[in-house]
Amino acid sequence: MSKADVDGNLKANLRPATRLTLGGRDPFAHHGYVNTPVYHASTLLYRSADDFENRRGPYSYGRRGTPTSEAFEKAIVDIEGPLCAGALLMPSGLSAISTAFLAVLNAGDHVLVSDSCYGPTRKFCDSVLKRLGVETSYYDPIIGSGIAALFKPNTRAVYTESPGSLSFELQDIPAIAEAAHARGALVMTDNTWASPLYFKALEKGVDLSIQSGTKYIGGHSDLMLGVVAASKAAWTQLQHMVYTTGLCVGPDDMYMGLRGLRTLGVRLAKHHEQGLTVAQWLEKRPEVLRVIHPALPSHPQHAIWKRDFTGACGLFCVVLKPASEKQVHAFLDGLSLYGIGASWGGFESLAIPFDLTEYRSATKWQPGGPCIRLHIGLEDVNDLIADLERGFAAMALVR
């Protein structure tokens, strides 16, 4: 067996790090080059009129796929696992989310959406889906099997996000999936926080596993990208929506995403390690009321994390003891190594304030103090902790 041709039995037993290295690669289909080249393509030529009429060949048009997109999508399928029927690329994480919704919903349908979902997801549901005649009901993210009571005769899908955006509740996705499938509904999840490396969404009953490739797949805060992986039950619907709406990703973005995927394992492991170290340090600070990090034993749904997840990323929430807005701003402005900006998943650390009080509709957000979302990057963790100490010192000077 050649190095380029990993046999099926061997491949089935390969560990995630090896899968990330091999996934989608076929060097000798590209003159031996290790990485699949960037194909800038629209028109594809056929050798004869008969070939054209019968669309002979693996590709038909740049928008419908190239060797670059195929390599990336195969790599995603490989890390999602054997229950993945296929994966498709989108121009952004939000595009991946909206496409998943549109793929499985029609006018007159009803969808259940976690109250802890990403803000733009809620906006999409409350505007676009509403305009298209789809009813959205928001539910308590920790409802678990109790979600069965919320189904209507026209409920076609359940949308989950675990952990929840900003608030980090963990959902019992296997229980939710069991209830949904018993009623003929599909399950979607935003799996950006854990990725398939740390949460095997399809194995837990999810039908459409969504990732913002902008975050950890890209890993360098310079890429807009989305990915949707589908179970057999949802694959045809996803394909139809993507191909009929003309969604596609630029070839250079595909290449950068696939390159980022190769180092996802080592980067995520470092984010996990450093994020947990900082979270544990923050739990001991007198200024902190609590730290909401799924991998901490203090997290309310930590048992779900231990059961369903194999790791964590660098993103979590800190609830400060009651403090004024000026004090919170002094803390953030006193940081030198943490940037203040949206998104996350890059190599750099970030810190932003947030308040979900006016955002929730099915639950109430009552954290007990000001909230800060931290993303722990790849800087030296001791430097990051020292920087947080400087932030707290700056905060103490404000009365």
Protein backbone atom coordinates (compact mmCIF):
# COMPACT_ATOMS: atom_id res chain seq x y z
CA MET A 1 0.00 0.00 0.00
CA SER A 2 1.41 3.40 -0.97
CA LYS A 3 1.60 6.37 1.41
CA ALA A 4 -1.06 8.13 -0.63
CA ASP A 5 -3.51 5.24 -0.56
CA VAL A 6 -4.68 4.49 2.98
CA ASP A 7 -6.74 1.32 2.88
CA GLY A 8 -10.34 1.40 4.12
CA ASN A 9 -9.82 -0.87 7.13
CA LEU A 10 -6.82 1.09 8.32
CA LYS A 11 -8.55 4.42 7.74
CA ALA A 12 -11.55 3.39 9.83
CA ASN A 13 -9.27 3.08 12.87
CA LEU A 14 -7.29 6.25 12.43
CA ARG A 15 -7.37 8.77 15.26
CA PRO A 16 -8.58 12.37 14.80
CA ALA A 17 -5.12 13.94 14.47
CA THR A 18 -4.25 11.56 11.64
CA ARG A 19 -7.61 12.12 9.96
CA LEU A 20 -7.00 15.87 10.00
CA THR A 21 -3.65 15.32 8.30
CA LEU A 22 -4.92 12.92 5.62
CA GLY A 23 -8.51 14.04 5.00
CA GLY A 24 -9.27 15.06 1.42
CA ARG A 25 -5.69 14.67 0.24
CA ASP A 26 -4.74 12.87 -2.97
CA PRO A 27 -1.23 14.11 -3.81
CA PHE A 28 -0.67 11.91 -6.85
CA ALA A 29 -3.83 13.24 -8.48
CA HIS A 30 -1.98 16.57 -8.47
CA HIS A 31 1.51 15.57 -9.64
CA GLY A 32 2.61 14.63 -6.13
CA TYR A 33 2.04 18.00 -4.49
CA VAL A 34 1.09 17.58 -0.83
CA ASN A 35 -1.74 20.12 -0.84
CA THR A 36 -4.62 20.18 -3.29
CA PRO A 37 -4.02 23.24 -5.52
CA VAL A 38 -6.29 26.26 -5.66
CA TYR A 39 -8.59 25.91 -8.68
CA HIS A 40 -9.86 29.28 -9.89
CA ALA A 41 -12.59 28.05 -12.18
CA SER A 42 -15.97 28.77 -13.69
CA THR A 43 -16.21 27.19 -17.17
CA LEU A 44 -15.25 23.56 -17.59
CA LEU A 45 -14.54 22.23 -21.08
CA TYR A 46 -15.61 18.84 -22.43
CA ARG A 47 -13.77 16.79 -25.02
CA SER A 48 -16.84 16.23 -27.20
CA ALA A 49 -20.47 17.25 -27.67
CA ASP A 50 -21.54 13.83 -26.44
CA ASP A 51 -19.52 14.26 -23.23
CA PHE A 52 -21.15 17.66 -22.74
CA GLU A 53 -24.68 16.37 -23.35
CA ASN A 54 -24.15 13.56 -20.84
CA ARG A 55 -22.09 15.64 -18.40
CA ARG A 56 -19.34 13.04 -18.26
CA GLY A 57 -16.70 13.74 -15.69
CA PRO A 58 -16.49 14.50 -11.97
CA TYR A 59 -17.13 18.25 -12.36
CA SER A 60 -19.54 20.33 -14.41
CA TYR A 61 -19.13 24.00 -13.43
CA GLY A 62 -17.03 25.95 -10.94
CA ARG A 63 -19.98 26.79 -8.70
CA ARG A 64 -20.90 23.10 -8.42
CA GLY A 65 -17.49 22.05 -7.17
CA THR A 66 -13.77 21.84 -7.96
CA PRO A 67 -10.93 19.64 -6.69
CA THR A 68 -10.29 22.34 -4.06
CA SER A 69 -13.82 22.27 -2.65
CA GLU A 70 -14.01 18.50 -2.96
CA ALA A 71 -10.83 18.05 -0.90
CA PHE A 72 -12.15 20.33 1.85
CA GLU A 73 -15.59 18.71 1.95
CA LYS A 74 -14.11 15.21 2.05
CA ALA A 75 -11.92 16.25 4.97
CA ILE A 76 -14.97 17.53 6.87
CA VAL A 77 -16.88 14.31 6.18
CA ASP A 78 -13.91 12.33 7.47
CA ILE A 79 -13.76 14.09 10.83
CA GLU A 80 -17.57 14.15 11.24
CA GLY A 81 -17.58 10.37 11.14
CA PRO A 82 -19.33 7.47 9.36
CA LEU A 83 -22.86 8.88 9.86
CA CYS A 84 -22.01 11.90 7.71
CA ALA A 85 -23.53 11.58 4.22
CA GLY A 86 -21.83 14.72 2.94
CA ALA A 87 -20.71 18.26 3.71
CA LEU A 88 -20.93 21.55 1.82
CA LEU A 89 -19.11 24.87 2.17
CA MET A 90 -20.79 28.25 2.69
CA PRO A 91 -19.51 31.85 2.48
CA SER A 92 -19.85 32.44 6.26
CA GLY A 93 -21.04 30.86 9.48
CA LEU A 94 -24.34 32.74 9.33
CA SER A 95 -24.81 31.60 5.74
CA ALA A 96 -24.34 28.01 6.92
CA ILE A 97 -26.97 28.52 9.63
CA SER A 98 -29.54 30.17 7.34
CA THR A 99 -28.98 27.57 4.62
CA ALA A 100 -29.59 24.73 7.07
CA PHE A 101 -32.90 26.29 8.12
CA LEU A 102 -34.02 26.92 4.55
CA ALA A 103 -33.06 23.41 3.49
CA VAL A 104 -35.50 21.71 5.85
CA LEU A 105 -38.33 24.23 6.32
CA ASN A 106 -41.24 25.34 4.13
CA ALA A 107 -44.11 27.80 4.45
CA GLY A 108 -46.52 26.63 7.14
CA ASP A 109 -43.85 24.75 9.11
CA HIS A 110 -42.93 25.24 12.76
CA VAL A 111 -39.39 25.17 14.16
CA LEU A 112 -38.15 25.00 17.76
CA VAL A 113 -35.06 27.12 18.46
CA SER A 114 -32.93 27.29 21.60
CA ASP A 115 -33.34 30.55 23.51
CA SER A 116 -29.53 30.63 23.85
CA CYS A 117 -28.87 30.71 20.11
CA TYR A 118 -26.46 33.07 18.37
CA GLY A 119 -28.00 36.54 18.03
CA PRO A 120 -28.02 36.69 14.19
CA THR A 121 -29.72 33.27 14.17
CA ARG A 122 -32.60 34.74 16.16
CA LYS A 123 -32.77 37.73 13.79
CA PHE A 124 -32.96 35.38 10.82
CA CYS A 125 -35.79 33.40 12.40
CA ASP A 126 -37.72 36.51 13.46
CA SER A 127 -37.40 38.22 10.07
CA VAL A 128 -36.70 35.95 7.11
CA LEU A 129 -38.42 32.80 8.36
CA LYS A 130 -41.39 34.82 9.56
CA ARG A 131 -41.71 36.48 6.16
CA LEU A 132 -41.61 33.06 4.50
CA GLY A 133 -44.45 31.78 6.67
CA VAL A 134 -42.41 29.67 9.11
CA GLU A 135 -43.31 29.92 12.81
CA THR A 136 -40.48 29.95 15.36
CA SER A 137 -40.87 29.03 19.03
CA TYR A 138 -37.97 29.53 21.44
CA TYR A 139 -37.36 27.03 24.23
CA ASP A 140 -35.32 26.78 27.41
CA PRO A 141 -31.95 25.32 26.34
CA ILE A 142 -31.80 22.97 29.34
CA ILE A 143 -35.24 21.49 28.66
CA GLY A 144 -33.86 18.10 27.58
CA SER A 145 -36.48 15.44 26.90
CA GLY A 146 -39.15 17.87 28.10
CA ILE A 147 -39.03 19.41 24.64
CA ALA A 148 -41.50 16.71 23.56
CA ALA A 149 -44.31 18.82 25.05
CA LEU A 150 -43.51 21.73 22.70
CA PHE A 151 -43.99 19.90 19.40
CA LYS A 152 -46.86 20.82 17.14
CA PRO A 153 -48.24 18.73 14.27
CA ASN A 154 -46.26 20.95 11.86
CA THR A 155 -42.96 21.01 13.77
CA ARG A 156 -40.34 20.03 11.22
CA ALA A 157 -37.05 20.81 12.96
CA VAL A 158 -35.32 21.60 16.24
CA TYR A 159 -32.34 23.95 16.36
CA THR A 160 -29.77 23.53 19.13
CA GLU A 161 -26.58 25.26 20.16
CA SER A 162 -24.50 23.62 22.86
CA PRO A 163 -23.00 25.39 24.64
CA GLY A 164 -25.27 28.38 24.14
CA SER A 165 -23.98 31.58 22.61
CA LEU A 166 -22.52 33.87 25.31
CA SER A 167 -24.34 32.10 28.19
CA PHE A 168 -22.85 28.60 27.70
CA GLU A 169 -25.74 26.37 28.77
CA LEU A 170 -25.23 22.78 27.65
CA GLN A 171 -28.11 20.96 25.99
CA ASP A 172 -29.01 17.29 26.28
CA ILE A 173 -28.85 16.81 22.53
CA PRO A 174 -29.34 13.00 22.52
CA ALA A 175 -32.60 13.43 24.47
CA ILE A 176 -33.75 16.27 22.21
CA ALA A 177 -32.87 14.26 19.10
CA GLU A 178 -34.79 11.23 20.36
CA ALA A 179 -37.90 13.36 20.93
CA ALA A 180 -37.55 15.05 17.55
CA HIS A 181 -36.99 11.92 15.51
CA ALA A 182 -39.92 10.17 17.20
CA ARG A 183 -42.08 12.92 15.71
CA GLY A 184 -40.46 13.02 12.28
CA ALA A 185 -38.50 16.22 12.89
CA LEU A 186 -34.86 16.88 12.02
CA VAL A 187 -32.25 18.25 14.42
CA MET A 188 -29.75 21.01 13.65
CA THR A 189 -26.88 22.21 15.83
CA ASP A 190 -24.28 24.94 15.77
CA ASN A 191 -21.18 22.91 16.66
CA THR A 192 -18.62 25.70 16.27
CA TRP A 193 -17.55 25.75 19.95
CA ALA A 194 -16.54 22.09 20.16
CA SER A 195 -16.12 21.10 16.49
CA PRO A 196 -16.45 17.43 15.50
CA LEU A 197 -13.16 16.80 17.31
CA TYR A 198 -14.76 17.37 20.71
CA PHE A 199 -18.45 16.71 20.01
CA LYS A 200 -19.60 14.11 17.50
CA ALA A 201 -22.88 15.79 16.65
CA LEU A 202 -24.14 13.26 14.12
CA GLU A 203 -23.45 10.38 16.50
CA LYS A 204 -25.58 12.19 19.12
CA GLY A 205 -28.57 12.34 16.79
CA VAL A 206 -28.02 15.60 14.91
CA ASP A 207 -28.97 15.74 11.22
CA LEU A 208 -27.31 19.02 10.23
CA SER A 209 -24.05 19.90 11.99
CA ILE A 210 -23.06 23.52 11.39
CA GLN A 211 -19.71 25.21 11.93
CA SER A 212 -18.52 28.73 11.42
CA GLY A 213 -15.22 28.03 9.68
CA THR A 214 -14.42 31.68 10.38
CA LYS A 215 -13.59 30.59 13.93
CA TYR A 216 -11.36 27.62 14.75
CA ILE A 217 -11.13 26.04 11.30
CA GLY A 218 -9.61 29.22 9.88
CA GLY A 219 -7.88 29.93 13.16
CA HIS A 220 -6.23 33.21 12.15
CA SER A 221 -9.05 35.80 12.13
CA ASP A 222 -8.67 36.41 8.41
CA LEU A 223 -11.30 34.17 6.81
CA MET A 224 -15.08 34.08 6.32
CA LEU A 225 -16.35 30.53 5.94
CA GLY A 226 -19.17 28.17 6.92
CA VAL A 227 -19.65 24.40 6.80
CA VAL A 228 -22.74 22.20 7.04
CA ALA A 229 -22.41 18.42 7.41
CA ALA A 230 -25.51 16.29 6.96
CA SER A 231 -26.86 12.91 7.98
CA LYS A 232 -28.41 10.69 5.34
CA ALA A 233 -31.86 11.99 6.35
CA ALA A 234 -30.97 15.62 5.53
CA TRP A 235 -28.29 15.34 2.82
CA THR A 236 -30.55 15.56 -0.25
CA GLN A 237 -32.38 18.61 1.14
CA LEU A 238 -29.10 20.36 1.91
CA GLN A 239 -27.70 19.68 -1.56
CA HIS A 240 -30.85 20.94 -3.23
CA MET A 241 -30.85 24.21 -1.28
CA VAL A 242 -27.17 24.94 -1.89
CA TYR A 243 -27.17 24.11 -5.59
CA THR A 244 -30.44 25.87 -6.44
CA THR A 245 -29.53 29.08 -4.59
CA GLY A 246 -26.06 29.27 -6.14
CA LEU A 247 -24.11 29.33 -2.89
CA CYS A 248 -20.37 28.87 -3.29
CA VAL A 249 -17.09 29.84 -1.65
CA GLY A 250 -14.11 31.55 -3.23
CA PRO A 251 -11.26 29.15 -4.02
CA ASP A 252 -8.67 31.01 -1.96
CA ASP A 253 -10.95 30.89 1.08
CA MET A 254 -11.44 27.15 0.56
CA TYR A 255 -7.69 26.65 0.46
CA MET A 256 -7.11 28.69 3.62
CA GLY A 257 -9.87 26.79 5.41
CA LEU A 258 -8.45 23.42 4.43
CA ARG A 259 -4.97 24.51 5.47
CA GLY A 260 -6.36 25.64 8.83
CA LEU A 261 -8.07 22.29 9.27
CA ARG A 262 -4.71 20.51 9.22
CA THR A 263 -3.63 22.18 12.48
CA LEU A 264 -7.07 22.33 14.13
CA GLY A 265 -6.26 19.49 16.54
CA VAL A 266 -3.11 21.00 18.01
CA ARG A 267 -4.61 24.48 18.21
CA LEU A 268 -7.82 23.33 19.87
CA ALA A 269 -5.86 21.31 22.42
CA LYS A 270 -3.89 24.42 23.35
CA HIS A 271 -7.04 26.56 23.53
CA HIS A 272 -8.60 23.90 25.78
CA GLU A 273 -5.60 23.75 28.09
CA GLN A 274 -5.10 27.49 28.39
CA GLY A 275 -8.79 28.32 28.59
CA LEU A 276 -9.26 25.94 31.49
CA THR A 277 -6.17 27.29 33.27
CA VAL A 278 -7.43 30.86 33.04
CA ALA A 279 -10.98 29.84 34.03
CA GLN A 280 -9.70 28.05 37.14
CA TRP A 281 -7.59 31.08 38.07
CA LEU A 282 -10.56 33.41 37.64
CA GLU A 283 -12.74 31.27 39.91
CA LYS A 284 -10.44 32.21 42.79
CA ARG A 285 -10.49 35.96 42.14
CA PRO A 286 -12.39 38.10 44.69
CA GLU A 287 -13.86 40.26 41.89
CA VAL A 288 -15.50 37.25 40.20
CA LEU A 289 -18.95 35.96 41.11
CA ARG A 290 -18.71 32.86 38.93
CA VAL A 291 -17.11 31.47 35.79
CA ILE A 292 -19.33 29.74 33.24
CA HIS A 293 -17.12 27.19 31.52
CA PRO A 294 -18.58 23.76 30.59
CA ALA A 295 -15.40 21.90 31.57
CA LEU A 296 -15.46 23.27 35.13
CA PRO A 297 -17.15 21.07 37.75
CA SER A 298 -19.04 24.20 38.88
CA HIS A 299 -20.90 24.43 35.56
CA PRO A 300 -24.59 23.49 36.06
CA GLN A 301 -24.52 21.02 33.16
CA HIS A 302 -20.98 19.76 33.67
CA ALA A 303 -22.27 16.17 33.73
CA ILE A 304 -23.47 16.58 30.13
CA TRP A 305 -20.05 17.89 29.11
CA LYS A 306 -18.36 14.86 30.71
CA ARG A 307 -20.79 12.49 28.99
CA ASP A 308 -20.95 13.97 25.49
CA PHE A 309 -17.78 16.02 24.94
CA THR A 310 -14.12 15.09 24.77
CA GLY A 311 -12.70 18.60 25.11
CA ALA A 312 -13.37 22.31 25.24
CA CYS A 313 -12.21 25.37 23.34
CA GLY A 314 -10.94 28.70 24.69
CA LEU A 315 -14.30 30.49 24.89
CA PHE A 316 -16.20 31.02 28.14
CA CYS A 317 -17.98 33.62 30.28
CA VAL A 318 -17.00 35.45 33.48
CA VAL A 319 -19.66 36.97 35.72
CA LEU A 320 -18.21 39.74 37.86
CA LYS A 321 -19.54 40.74 41.24
CA PRO A 322 -21.78 43.83 40.98
CA ALA A 323 -19.79 46.66 39.41
CA SER A 324 -20.52 49.86 37.52
CA GLU A 325 -20.19 50.21 33.77
CA LYS A 326 -17.19 52.49 34.34
CA GLN A 327 -15.49 49.79 36.39
CA VAL A 328 -16.14 47.13 33.74
CA HIS A 329 -14.81 49.44 31.03
CA ALA A 330 -11.75 50.18 33.16
CA PHE A 331 -11.09 46.46 33.45
CA LEU A 332 -11.37 45.93 29.68
CA ASP A 333 -9.40 49.05 28.78
CA GLY A 334 -6.72 48.01 31.26
CA LEU A 335 -5.99 44.85 29.28
CA SER A 336 -3.11 44.89 26.80
CA LEU A 337 -3.12 41.34 25.45
CA TYR A 338 -6.88 40.91 25.04
CA GLY A 339 -8.43 42.59 22.03
CA ILE A 340 -11.94 44.02 22.19
CA GLY A 341 -13.77 42.70 19.16
CA ALA A 342 -16.43 40.38 17.81
CA SER A 343 -15.90 36.79 16.69
CA TRP A 344 -13.38 34.38 18.21
CA GLY A 345 -11.41 31.24 17.37
CA GLY A 346 -8.27 32.98 16.16
CA PHE A 347 -4.81 32.78 17.70
CA GLU A 348 -5.41 35.97 19.69
CA SER A 349 -7.18 36.49 23.00
CA LEU A 350 -10.34 38.61 23.16
CA ALA A 351 -12.62 40.12 25.80
CA ILE A 352 -16.04 41.73 25.33
CA PRO A 353 -18.84 42.80 27.68
CA PHE A 354 -22.38 41.57 27.05
CA ASP A 355 -25.89 41.66 28.50
CA LEU A 356 -28.63 39.22 27.49
CA THR A 357 -31.35 40.74 29.68
CA GLU A 358 -33.40 42.09 26.75
CA TYR A 359 -32.46 39.28 24.43
CA ARG A 360 -34.17 36.19 25.85
CA SER A 361 -37.83 35.34 25.32
CA ALA A 362 -38.30 31.82 26.74
CA THR A 363 -35.95 32.27 29.71
CA LYS A 364 -34.67 35.09 31.92
CA TRP A 365 -31.02 36.08 32.03
CA GLN A 366 -30.16 36.89 35.65
CA PRO A 367 -26.41 36.35 36.04
CA GLY A 368 -26.01 38.46 39.19
CA GLY A 369 -23.41 40.85 37.82
CA PRO A 370 -21.72 42.24 34.69
CA CYS A 371 -20.69 39.60 32.14
CA ILE A 372 -17.54 39.36 30.06
CA ARG A 373 -16.91 36.80 27.36
CA LEU A 374 -13.29 35.73 27.11
CA HIS A 375 -11.55 33.94 24.29
CA ILE A 376 -8.22 32.55 25.42
CA GLY A 377 -5.78 32.51 22.54
CA LEU A 378 -2.34 31.05 22.00
CA GLU A 379 -0.24 33.59 23.89
CA ASP A 380 1.68 32.36 26.94
CA VAL A 381 -0.93 31.63 29.58
CA ASN A 382 1.14 33.27 32.33
CA ASP A 383 1.22 36.50 30.34
CA LEU A 384 -2.55 36.28 29.85
CA ILE A 385 -3.15 35.85 33.58
CA ALA A 386 -0.79 38.72 34.39
CA ASP A 387 -2.73 40.90 31.95
CA LEU A 388 -6.01 40.04 33.68
CA GLU A 389 -4.41 41.06 36.98
CA ARG A 390 -3.61 44.44 35.42
CA GLY A 391 -7.23 44.73 34.29
CA PHE A 392 -8.50 44.04 37.81
CA ALA A 393 -6.02 46.58 39.20
CA ALA A 394 -7.32 49.22 36.80
CA MET A 395 -10.88 48.33 37.79
CA ALA A 396 -10.07 48.82 41.48
CA LEU A 397 -9.02 52.43 40.85
CA VAL A 398 -12.52 53.38 39.67
CA ARG A 399 -15.12 54.27 42.27
